[in-house]
Amino acid sequence: MTSLRYPLAGLACMIAFFYALWPIVRGRWRDPAFMVLCASFGCQGIYMALSTPAAWTGSLFGEVTWYNVVVQLWIVAALACQQVLLILWIHPPHRARPRIRRRIALFAAIGAAMALLFLLAGRHGPPVNHFSHPGDQPYFFVYQLIYLTTFSCSKVILGHACLRYSRLTHSRWIRHGLRIAAAGSAVDLLYPLGRFADILLVPLGWNPASWSDVSRTGLTVGITLNVIGWTAPLWGRHLADARRWCTDFRRYHRLRPLWLAIHRAHPESVLLPAARSDVCAVRDLRFQLHRRVIEIRDGCLALRQWIDPATERRLAARYAGRPRADHEAARIAAALSVTGPGGPRSPAQPPDAPSAVLTCPLGPDYVADVVWLVEVSRAFDRARRPAAGRSAR
């Protein structure tokens, strides 16, 4: 399982690292917090990459070498970066600098203490990652307590800060990202929880192998969630743009039946040559959607003088109590029917008649107008299909 979990988590970290590094290298983004965030991704990616080769890391409960110590020091460095990042976010620069120096000194002392304790533990042979009798290797026992306590406290502080500031921000993607990062910090705590049990509960009958997969999986899932959460403000806006584009294309396509019928009846309402299909509009979709809405509105203004009062009263009685969009679609269909071949040669009302084929009951803004026109277009298409089926029979 480790051969699959750690490389995938490491890949996520390195993708985030290079994604954040690119604007820094190009000189477009030199914010200190952003640079520390990039360093945090790099440290986590290196930790995951170094944890993958089983031939070097050894078994979970086997002998521990300096290679394992170096791997764990990389995660300590990542924790230090995350603490510095919180300081940069919370405090103004003149207050952040002394706090950053103290926090870096603290984590440097932790790393030095771990190295010293491991050096002392190795004086009587390589330490073993198994604690049936903790008194047999006291230095390595303290080493593990320092490492796991540092990991746990850092994750608790990080998760609490993420939850707290997610309630204060007005940015949607920063809020979502902080909550995802907080969830990742909570899942990360499965790792020290399992390792604490391996250290403290084995003499009481605890089986370390029963929790090993859970703790390792929690570590990789938690780090991946942290990466997703920290980078959410970067990729979130692109996801929002993609969703907006899909919504616009769906609306553009659903307006086609109404637009095509009006275009055939009044080709002069078309501003530019029409595209051969809706797929041709993907390059400049927002402009094409605006254009289609305007052309429909212009065509409806040309149609309003072709509805006589008797038809208005008949349609109002027929569609009483039914959706407003169905009524409007029927009025457009009635106007189109009299402008085609065989229809009257003169309008039923003067050009400045107060009646209008279309109104927008959802509000005067553009989005409400588009939503309303889509409803009318769908109602128009539904009413047209049964009529087309009857004429075919």
Protein backbone atom coordinates (compact mmCIF):
# COMPACT_ATOMS: atom_id res chain seq x y z
CA MET A 1 0.00 0.00 0.00
CA THR A 2 2.85 2.42 0.81
CA SER A 3 4.20 1.99 -2.70
CA LEU A 4 0.93 3.48 -3.97
CA ARG A 5 -0.07 5.94 -1.23
CA TYR A 6 3.14 7.85 -0.77
CA PRO A 7 3.94 8.41 -4.48
CA LEU A 8 0.42 9.72 -5.14
CA ALA A 9 0.57 12.12 -2.19
CA GLY A 10 4.10 13.14 -3.20
CA LEU A 11 2.93 13.78 -6.75
CA ALA A 12 0.14 16.05 -5.48
CA CYS A 13 2.65 17.97 -3.36
CA MET A 14 5.14 18.41 -6.21
CA ILE A 15 2.42 19.52 -8.64
CA ALA A 16 1.38 22.17 -6.11
CA PHE A 17 5.04 23.10 -5.58
CA PHE A 18 5.77 23.73 -9.26
CA TYR A 19 2.38 25.39 -9.78
CA ALA A 20 3.22 27.86 -7.01
CA LEU A 21 6.87 28.16 -8.03
CA TRP A 22 6.16 29.29 -11.60
CA PRO A 23 4.81 32.79 -10.79
CA ILE A 24 7.64 33.25 -8.27
CA VAL A 25 10.31 32.42 -10.86
CA ARG A 26 8.62 34.69 -13.42
CA GLY A 27 8.70 37.53 -10.89
CA ARG A 28 4.93 38.04 -10.92
CA TRP A 29 4.40 37.03 -7.31
CA ARG A 30 6.97 37.74 -4.61
CA ASP A 31 4.71 37.73 -1.58
CA PRO A 32 6.63 36.18 1.40
CA ALA A 33 3.62 34.12 2.51
CA PHE A 34 3.24 32.68 -0.96
CA MET A 35 6.93 31.78 -1.08
CA VAL A 36 6.69 30.04 2.30
CA LEU A 37 3.64 28.15 1.08
CA CYS A 38 5.63 27.00 -1.94
CA ALA A 39 8.46 25.84 0.35
CA SER A 40 5.93 23.89 2.44
CA PHE A 41 4.72 22.02 -0.65
CA GLY A 42 8.32 21.22 -1.59
CA CYS A 43 9.18 19.87 1.87
CA GLN A 44 6.08 17.67 1.95
CA GLY A 45 6.79 16.40 -1.55
CA ILE A 46 10.38 15.50 -0.64
CA TYR A 47 9.16 13.77 2.52
CA MET A 48 6.72 11.64 0.53
CA ALA A 49 9.29 10.88 -2.17
CA LEU A 50 11.93 9.80 0.37
CA SER A 51 9.37 7.69 2.26
CA THR A 52 8.55 5.60 -0.80
CA PRO A 53 11.62 3.32 -1.31
CA ALA A 54 11.04 0.41 1.07
CA ALA A 55 14.64 -0.75 0.58
CA TRP A 56 15.86 2.46 2.26
CA THR A 57 13.12 3.21 4.79
CA GLY A 58 12.94 -0.39 5.98
CA SER A 59 9.92 -2.02 7.61
CA LEU A 60 7.65 -0.05 9.89
CA PHE A 61 8.78 -1.93 13.00
CA GLY A 62 12.35 -2.72 11.97
CA GLU A 63 15.66 -0.97 12.50
CA VAL A 64 15.82 2.82 12.16
CA THR A 65 18.69 4.49 10.32
CA TRP A 66 19.83 8.03 9.67
CA TYR A 67 17.88 7.88 6.43
CA ASN A 68 14.66 7.63 8.45
CA VAL A 69 15.73 10.58 10.59
CA VAL A 70 16.37 12.73 7.51
CA VAL A 71 12.94 11.80 6.16
CA GLN A 72 11.25 12.88 9.38
CA LEU A 73 13.26 16.11 9.51
CA TRP A 74 11.72 17.05 6.16
CA ILE A 75 8.24 16.83 7.65
CA VAL A 76 9.45 18.95 10.59
CA ALA A 77 10.62 21.52 8.03
CA ALA A 78 7.17 21.43 6.38
CA LEU A 79 5.53 21.99 9.77
CA ALA A 80 7.84 24.94 10.37
CA CYS A 81 6.85 26.46 7.01
CA GLN A 82 3.18 26.10 7.85
CA GLN A 83 3.66 27.80 11.22
CA VAL A 84 5.54 30.67 9.58
CA LEU A 85 2.77 30.94 7.00
CA LEU A 86 0.17 31.35 9.74
CA ILE A 87 2.24 34.06 11.39
CA LEU A 88 2.54 35.96 8.09
CA TRP A 89 -1.21 35.75 7.57
CA ILE A 90 -2.23 36.72 11.10
CA HIS A 91 0.23 39.48 12.03
CA PRO A 92 1.44 42.63 10.28
CA PRO A 93 5.05 42.52 9.00
CA HIS A 94 6.63 44.43 11.90
CA ARG A 95 5.07 42.00 14.42
CA ALA A 96 5.53 38.92 12.29
CA ARG A 97 9.33 39.13 11.97
CA PRO A 98 10.24 38.51 15.63
CA ARG A 99 7.61 35.78 15.90
CA ILE A 100 8.99 34.10 12.78
CA ARG A 101 12.52 34.18 14.18
CA ARG A 102 11.36 32.58 17.43
CA ARG A 103 9.33 29.93 15.62
CA ILE A 104 12.22 29.04 13.30
CA ALA A 105 14.56 28.84 16.29
CA LEU A 106 12.10 26.51 18.03
CA PHE A 107 11.84 24.12 15.09
CA ALA A 108 15.61 24.24 14.55
CA ALA A 109 16.06 23.24 18.20
CA ILE A 110 13.56 20.40 17.73
CA GLY A 111 15.47 19.13 14.70
CA ALA A 112 18.79 19.36 16.53
CA ALA A 113 17.36 17.55 19.57
CA MET A 114 16.04 14.76 17.35
CA ALA A 115 19.43 14.34 15.68
CA LEU A 116 21.25 14.35 19.02
CA LEU A 117 18.85 11.85 20.59
CA PHE A 118 19.17 9.53 17.61
CA LEU A 119 22.95 9.79 17.80
CA LEU A 120 22.85 8.82 21.48
CA ALA A 121 20.35 6.05 20.80
CA GLY A 122 22.68 4.51 18.19
CA ARG A 123 25.56 4.09 20.62
CA HIS A 124 24.27 0.65 21.61
CA GLY A 125 23.26 -0.47 18.12
CA PRO A 126 20.64 0.69 15.63
CA PRO A 127 17.35 1.70 17.32
CA VAL A 128 14.34 -0.49 16.65
CA ASN A 129 10.91 0.96 15.89
CA HIS A 130 9.28 -1.35 18.41
CA PHE A 131 8.72 -0.52 22.07
CA SER A 132 7.89 -3.71 23.98
CA HIS A 133 10.21 -2.42 26.67
CA PRO A 134 10.66 1.39 26.28
CA GLY A 135 13.33 1.44 28.98
CA ASP A 136 15.64 -0.57 26.70
CA GLN A 137 16.06 2.42 24.32
CA PRO A 138 15.23 5.58 26.32
CA TYR A 139 16.88 8.02 23.91
CA PHE A 140 14.90 6.80 20.94
CA PHE A 141 11.75 6.75 23.09
CA VAL A 142 12.20 10.47 23.84
CA TYR A 143 13.07 11.06 20.17
CA GLN A 144 9.72 9.65 19.11
CA LEU A 145 7.84 11.61 21.78
CA ILE A 146 9.39 14.89 20.60
CA TYR A 147 8.71 14.16 16.95
CA LEU A 148 5.10 13.06 17.43
CA THR A 149 4.30 15.86 19.90
CA THR A 150 5.67 18.44 17.46
CA PHE A 151 3.60 16.92 14.66
CA SER A 152 0.41 16.79 16.75
CA CYS A 153 0.67 20.31 18.20
CA SER A 154 1.45 21.81 14.79
CA LYS A 155 -1.55 20.13 13.19
CA VAL A 156 -3.89 21.17 16.01
CA ILE A 157 -2.73 24.81 15.77
CA LEU A 158 -3.00 24.73 11.99
CA GLY A 159 -6.47 23.19 11.94
CA HIS A 160 -7.80 25.58 14.58
CA ALA A 161 -6.44 28.62 12.73
CA CYS A 162 -7.90 27.43 9.41
CA LEU A 163 -11.36 26.96 10.91
CA ARG A 164 -11.21 30.30 12.70
CA TYR A 165 -10.21 32.36 9.70
CA SER A 166 -12.52 30.52 7.32
CA ARG A 167 -15.38 32.22 9.19
CA LEU A 168 -13.84 35.67 8.75
CA THR A 169 -13.03 35.72 5.05
CA HIS A 170 -15.49 36.87 2.40
CA SER A 171 -13.73 35.03 -0.41
CA ARG A 172 -15.57 31.87 -1.34
CA TRP A 173 -12.54 29.86 -2.41
CA ILE A 174 -10.35 30.97 0.49
CA ARG A 175 -13.14 29.90 2.85
CA HIS A 176 -13.51 26.49 1.15
CA GLY A 177 -9.74 26.05 1.00
CA LEU A 178 -9.24 26.78 4.70
CA ARG A 179 -11.97 24.30 5.63
CA ILE A 180 -10.42 21.61 3.45
CA ALA A 181 -7.00 22.32 5.00
CA ALA A 182 -8.57 22.08 8.47
CA ALA A 183 -10.07 18.72 7.54
CA GLY A 184 -6.64 17.60 6.31
CA SER A 185 -5.05 18.60 9.61
CA ALA A 186 -7.68 16.57 11.48
CA VAL A 187 -7.06 13.50 9.31
CA ASP A 188 -3.30 13.95 9.76
CA LEU A 189 -3.75 13.39 13.50
CA LEU A 190 -4.47 9.72 12.82
CA TYR A 191 -0.75 9.28 12.18
CA PRO A 192 0.60 10.50 15.57
CA LEU A 193 -2.35 8.86 17.33
CA GLY A 194 -1.33 5.48 15.94
CA ARG A 195 2.35 6.06 16.59
CA PHE A 196 1.69 7.17 20.19
CA ALA A 197 -0.21 3.91 20.68
CA ASP A 198 2.74 1.99 19.23
CA ILE A 199 5.07 3.65 21.73
CA LEU A 200 2.96 3.72 24.88
CA LEU A 201 0.48 0.83 24.62
CA VAL A 202 2.58 -2.05 23.32
CA PRO A 203 3.57 -3.08 26.87
CA LEU A 204 -0.18 -3.26 27.64
CA GLY A 205 -0.88 -5.67 24.78
CA TRP A 206 -1.42 -3.26 21.86
CA ASN A 207 -0.72 -4.77 18.45
CA PRO A 208 1.13 -2.11 16.36
CA ALA A 209 0.26 -3.79 13.06
CA SER A 210 -3.47 -3.25 13.67
CA TRP A 211 -3.14 0.53 13.25
CA SER A 212 -0.25 0.87 10.80
CA ASP A 213 -2.32 1.06 7.61
CA VAL A 214 -4.75 3.54 9.19
CA SER A 215 -2.00 5.86 10.43
CA ARG A 216 -0.10 5.84 7.14
CA THR A 217 -3.25 6.32 5.09
CA GLY A 218 -4.33 9.15 7.38
CA LEU A 219 -0.98 10.85 6.86
CA THR A 220 -1.12 10.68 3.07
CA VAL A 221 -4.80 11.65 2.84
CA GLY A 222 -4.30 14.51 5.29
CA ILE A 223 -1.30 15.91 3.41
CA THR A 224 -3.22 15.66 0.13
CA LEU A 225 -6.19 17.52 1.64
CA ASN A 226 -3.80 20.17 2.95
CA VAL A 227 -2.38 20.66 -0.54
CA ILE A 228 -5.87 20.90 -2.05
CA GLY A 229 -6.98 23.37 0.60
CA TRP A 230 -3.92 25.62 0.45
CA THR A 231 -4.10 25.80 -3.35
CA ALA A 232 -7.88 26.27 -3.58
CA PRO A 233 -7.62 30.08 -4.03
CA LEU A 234 -5.29 29.43 -7.00
CA TRP A 235 -7.30 26.86 -8.92
CA GLY A 236 -10.74 27.71 -7.53
CA ARG A 237 -11.27 30.70 -9.79
CA HIS A 238 -10.47 28.55 -12.84
CA LEU A 239 -13.02 25.98 -11.70
CA ALA A 240 -15.58 28.76 -11.22
CA ASP A 241 -14.82 30.07 -14.71
CA ALA A 242 -15.26 26.56 -16.15
CA ARG A 243 -18.62 26.15 -14.42
CA ARG A 244 -19.71 29.57 -15.63
CA TRP A 245 -18.68 28.67 -19.17
CA CYS A 246 -20.68 25.43 -19.04
CA THR A 247 -23.72 27.32 -17.77
CA ASP A 248 -23.41 29.90 -20.54
CA PHE A 249 -23.05 27.21 -23.22
CA ARG A 250 -26.07 25.33 -21.90
CA ARG A 251 -28.13 28.54 -22.00
CA TYR A 252 -26.79 29.46 -25.42
CA HIS A 253 -27.78 26.05 -26.78
CA ARG A 254 -31.25 26.13 -25.19
CA LEU A 255 -31.95 29.53 -26.76
CA ARG A 256 -31.36 28.13 -30.24
CA PRO A 257 -34.95 26.91 -31.02
CA LEU A 258 -36.45 30.33 -30.24
CA TRP A 259 -33.62 32.24 -31.90
CA LEU A 260 -33.75 30.09 -35.06
CA ALA A 261 -37.51 30.55 -35.48
CA ILE A 262 -37.24 34.33 -35.08
CA HIS A 263 -34.19 34.45 -37.34
CA ARG A 264 -36.06 32.71 -40.16
CA ALA A 265 -39.04 35.04 -39.80
CA HIS A 266 -36.97 38.24 -39.41
CA PRO A 267 -33.43 37.69 -40.70
CA GLU A 268 -32.77 41.43 -40.40
CA SER A 269 -32.61 41.03 -36.58
CA VAL A 270 -29.35 39.08 -36.86
CA LEU A 271 -26.40 41.34 -36.07
CA LEU A 272 -23.69 39.19 -37.70
CA PRO A 273 -23.69 36.11 -39.96
CA ALA A 274 -25.04 33.21 -37.95
CA ALA A 275 -22.74 30.36 -36.92
CA ARG A 276 -23.29 27.01 -38.55
CA SER A 277 -23.74 25.32 -35.16
CA ASP A 278 -23.58 26.15 -31.47
CA VAL A 279 -20.16 24.47 -31.25
CA CYS A 280 -18.70 27.31 -33.34
CA ALA A 281 -19.48 29.74 -30.50
CA VAL A 282 -17.18 28.15 -27.93
CA ARG A 283 -14.28 30.55 -28.59
CA ASP A 284 -16.10 33.73 -27.54
CA LEU A 285 -19.10 32.30 -25.76
CA ARG A 286 -19.95 35.26 -23.54
CA PHE A 287 -20.14 37.59 -26.56
CA GLN A 288 -22.15 35.04 -28.54
CA LEU A 289 -24.65 34.63 -25.70
CA HIS A 290 -25.12 38.39 -25.41
CA ARG A 291 -25.57 38.57 -29.15
CA ARG A 292 -28.20 35.82 -29.19
CA VAL A 293 -30.19 37.48 -26.40
CA ILE A 294 -30.14 40.84 -28.21
CA GLU A 295 -31.22 39.25 -31.50
CA ILE A 296 -34.12 37.48 -29.81
CA ARG A 297 -35.22 40.70 -28.17
CA ASP A 298 -34.98 42.63 -31.45
CA GLY A 299 -36.95 39.93 -33.24
CA CYS A 300 -39.66 40.03 -30.57
CA LEU A 301 -39.98 43.79 -30.95
CA ALA A 302 -40.59 43.23 -34.65
CA LEU A 303 -43.19 40.55 -33.91
CA ARG A 304 -45.31 42.44 -31.39
CA GLN A 305 -47.35 44.31 -34.00
CA TRP A 306 -48.51 41.05 -35.62
CA ILE A 307 -50.70 39.87 -32.73
CA ASP A 308 -54.29 41.05 -32.93
CA PRO A 309 -56.34 41.69 -29.77
CA ALA A 310 -58.60 38.69 -30.40
CA THR A 311 -55.63 36.34 -30.45
CA GLU A 312 -54.32 37.98 -27.27
CA ARG A 313 -57.63 37.31 -25.46
CA ARG A 314 -57.84 33.73 -26.75
CA LEU A 315 -54.30 32.89 -25.63
CA ALA A 316 -54.81 34.57 -22.25
CA ALA A 317 -57.90 32.43 -21.62
CA ARG A 318 -56.19 29.22 -22.81
CA TYR A 319 -53.06 29.67 -20.70
CA ALA A 320 -54.69 31.03 -17.55
CA GLY A 321 -53.14 29.30 -14.58
CA ARG A 322 -50.31 27.80 -16.61
CA PRO A 323 -46.63 28.83 -16.47
CA ARG A 324 -45.93 32.31 -17.78
CA ALA A 325 -43.23 30.97 -20.11
CA ASP A 326 -45.78 28.74 -21.88
CA HIS A 327 -48.01 31.75 -22.47
CA GLU A 328 -45.19 33.86 -23.88
CA ALA A 329 -44.05 30.98 -26.13
CA ALA A 330 -47.59 30.67 -27.47
CA ARG A 331 -47.75 34.41 -28.23
CA ILE A 332 -44.46 34.21 -30.14
CA ALA A 333 -45.70 31.17 -32.07
CA ALA A 334 -48.92 32.99 -32.95
CA ALA A 335 -46.97 36.02 -34.20
CA LEU A 336 -44.65 33.83 -36.24
CA SER A 337 -47.57 31.97 -37.81
CA VAL A 338 -49.07 35.15 -39.28
CA THR A 339 -45.76 36.47 -40.62
CA GLY A 340 -45.09 33.35 -42.67
CA PRO A 341 -46.46 32.38 -46.09
CA GLY A 342 -50.22 32.76 -46.26
CA GLY A 343 -50.36 35.23 -43.39
CA PRO A 344 -51.81 38.74 -43.54
CA ARG A 345 -49.87 41.29 -45.53
CA SER A 346 -50.26 44.08 -42.98
CA PRO A 347 -49.65 44.06 -39.22
CA ALA A 348 -52.58 43.61 -36.88
CA GLN A 349 -51.47 46.54 -34.70
CA PRO A 350 -49.48 49.73 -35.29
CA PRO A 351 -45.69 49.52 -34.71
CA ASP A 352 -45.95 51.51 -31.47
CA ALA A 353 -48.55 49.19 -29.93
CA PRO A 354 -48.17 48.94 -26.16
CA SER A 355 -48.35 45.13 -26.15
CA ALA A 356 -45.03 43.30 -26.13
CA VAL A 357 -44.49 39.70 -27.05
CA LEU A 358 -41.90 39.20 -24.33
CA THR A 359 -41.58 40.55 -20.83
CA CYS A 360 -39.11 39.57 -18.15
CA PRO A 361 -40.87 38.89 -14.84
CA LEU A 362 -37.65 37.78 -13.11
CA GLY A 363 -36.10 41.25 -13.02
CA PRO A 364 -34.43 43.81 -15.27
CA ASP A 365 -30.84 42.52 -15.04
CA TYR A 366 -29.12 40.54 -17.75
CA VAL A 367 -28.86 37.21 -15.93
CA ALA A 368 -32.57 37.19 -15.09
CA ASP A 369 -33.33 38.08 -18.70
CA VAL A 370 -31.28 35.15 -19.97
CA VAL A 371 -32.92 32.72 -17.50
CA TRP A 372 -36.36 33.93 -18.58
CA LEU A 373 -35.59 33.65 -22.29
CA VAL A 374 -34.28 30.11 -21.76
CA GLU A 375 -37.58 29.16 -20.11
CA VAL A 376 -39.52 30.66 -22.99
CA SER A 377 -37.31 28.94 -25.56
CA ARG A 378 -37.78 25.54 -23.91
CA ALA A 379 -41.53 26.05 -23.75
CA PHE A 380 -41.51 27.11 -27.40
CA ASP A 381 -39.56 23.98 -28.36
CA ARG A 382 -41.88 21.70 -26.36
CA ALA A 383 -44.97 23.20 -28.03
CA ARG A 384 -43.43 22.96 -31.47
CA ARG A 385 -42.50 19.27 -31.33
CA PRO A 386 -46.05 17.86 -30.98
CA ALA A 387 -47.19 20.14 -33.80
CA ALA A 388 -44.33 18.93 -35.98
CA GLY A 389 -45.25 15.32 -35.20
CA ARG A 390 -48.88 15.85 -36.16
CA SER A 391 -47.94 17.53 -39.42
CA ALA A 392 -45.58 14.65 -40.26
CA ARG A 393 -48.41 12.15 -39.80
